[in-house]
Amino acid sequence: MRPGVQALALEDDGELTIGEKRQSLLASATADYVCFIDDDDLVSTDYVPRIYAALTATDPPDVVGFRLRYFEGAAMAGVAIHSYRAAEIPAHAPPGCHRQERIPNHLNPVRRELALRVGYKRLNFGEDADYSKRLAELKPREVFVDSYLYDYIFRHPDTRRHERTNEQRTGRPHG
């Protein structure tokens, strides 16, 4: 495996769907693994070393699972386990917070060749759920990093307004 980390960004003034943006970045990536860090979220200070250690192990995985924290504004709203074995992994949510169990999605590092096989559809909402379900069908081999590596900052999207706006901009309906 080549050492190093590649970072790509795409600015499009809202002309592309989220799925098209992800697919374009995926196609441009040259690293062995890919994942997305959304521009309004945060990763832990040890994110890169922990992920890199998992990927450079003796028997590198197809996907890396990890713990994640959800925030609504500045308040922590919950925790999530991103893993195919999420139900088996203990995670106690702090009082007033919820626990989610999710299969790996666009936030999780995935072997690039598998991510390319799955790809992203031209969706503005749900492109990550679609991707993660189709990725799971490939039965990728996972390693789990037992640490909170990602802080997801939740925003309540007005998807109907977003869909209409996208259709007006691109002439393509949502989905």
Foldseek 3Di string as FASTA:
>chain_A
DDDDDDDDDDDDPLQAAPQVRVQVVLVVDDDQKAADDDPVKDWDPCQVVLLVCQQPPPDGWQKEWEKAWEAAPPHTAEIETADPPRVVDDDDTDPNHYYYYHHDWRHIIGGSVLCNVQGFDRANPCRGVSSRVSSVVVVIGYDYDYHHTIYHHDDDDPVVVSQVVNCVSHVDGGD
